[in-house]
Amino acid sequence: MALKLKVSNITCEKCADTITESIHVMEPDAKVDVDVNAKTVTVESAASEESIKQVIVAAGYTVEGY
């Protein structure tokens, strides 16, 4: 399942690394692409959308509409 989320408070590559690492802790095989300029996170994973959103929020970021 590919999921694209708008994460409004991504500001730099360190943010991208933090989000990617957080998702990989939950789902090591997930394919994660963070676009800092567009402020989007695209995830291909077997994990649920809810789980992915929770991990991003727990890492300190804001998922729009969540």
Protein backbone atom coordinates (compact mmCIF):
# COMPACT_ATOMS: atom_id res chain seq x y z
CA MET A 1 0.00 0.00 0.00
CA ALA A 2 1.43 3.38 -0.99
CA LEU A 3 0.43 6.24 1.26
CA LYS A 4 1.24 9.91 0.70
CA LEU A 5 0.92 12.24 3.67
CA LYS A 6 1.35 15.99 3.99
CA VAL A 7 3.55 16.77 7.00
CA SER A 8 3.55 20.54 7.39
CA ASN A 9 6.42 20.92 9.86
CA ILE A 10 9.17 19.15 7.89
CA THR A 11 11.94 21.74 7.55
CA CYS A 12 15.17 19.92 6.72
CA GLU A 13 16.90 16.66 5.85
CA LYS A 14 17.30 15.89 9.57
CA CYS A 15 13.50 15.89 9.82
CA ALA A 16 13.37 13.51 6.86
CA ASP A 17 15.90 11.21 8.54
CA THR A 18 13.99 11.24 11.83
CA ILE A 19 10.70 10.34 10.14
CA THR A 20 12.32 7.63 8.02
CA GLU A 21 14.07 6.07 11.01
CA SER A 22 10.87 6.16 13.08
CA ILE A 23 8.90 4.35 10.38
CA HIS A 24 11.69 1.79 9.91
CA VAL A 25 11.63 0.96 13.63
CA MET A 26 7.98 -0.06 13.25
CA GLU A 27 8.27 -1.53 9.74
CA PRO A 28 11.88 -2.34 8.72
CA ASP A 29 10.89 -3.22 5.14
CA ALA A 30 8.94 -0.02 4.50
CA LYS A 31 9.96 2.12 1.53
CA VAL A 32 9.95 5.73 2.73
CA ASP A 33 10.41 8.85 0.60
CA VAL A 34 10.39 12.25 2.29
CA ASP A 35 10.20 15.34 0.07
CA VAL A 36 11.36 18.23 2.26
CA ASN A 37 10.39 20.92 -0.27
CA ALA A 38 6.88 19.56 -0.86
CA LYS A 39 6.54 18.61 2.84
CA THR A 40 5.29 15.13 1.94
CA VAL A 41 6.03 11.63 3.18
CA THR A 42 5.32 8.72 0.85
CA VAL A 43 5.35 5.27 2.44
CA GLU A 44 5.00 1.84 0.89
CA SER A 45 4.41 -0.56 3.74
CA ALA A 46 2.35 -3.45 5.01
CA ALA A 47 1.58 -1.36 8.12
CA SER A 48 -1.78 0.37 8.43
CA GLU A 49 -2.26 4.04 7.57
CA GLU A 50 -3.18 4.68 11.20
CA SER A 51 0.05 3.10 12.47
CA ILE A 52 2.18 5.15 10.09
CA LYS A 53 0.43 8.39 11.10
CA GLN A 54 0.89 7.57 14.78
CA VAL A 55 4.63 6.97 14.31
CA ILE A 56 5.07 10.30 12.50
CA VAL A 57 3.13 12.17 15.22
CA ALA A 58 5.07 10.38 17.98
CA ALA A 59 8.29 11.57 16.31
CA GLY A 60 7.08 15.16 16.81
CA TYR A 61 5.58 15.98 13.41
CA THR A 62 2.13 17.07 12.30
CA VAL A 63 0.21 15.05 9.71
CA GLU A 64 -2.34 17.32 8.03
CA GLY A 65 -5.90 16.16 8.63
CA TYR A 66 -4.88 13.94 11.56
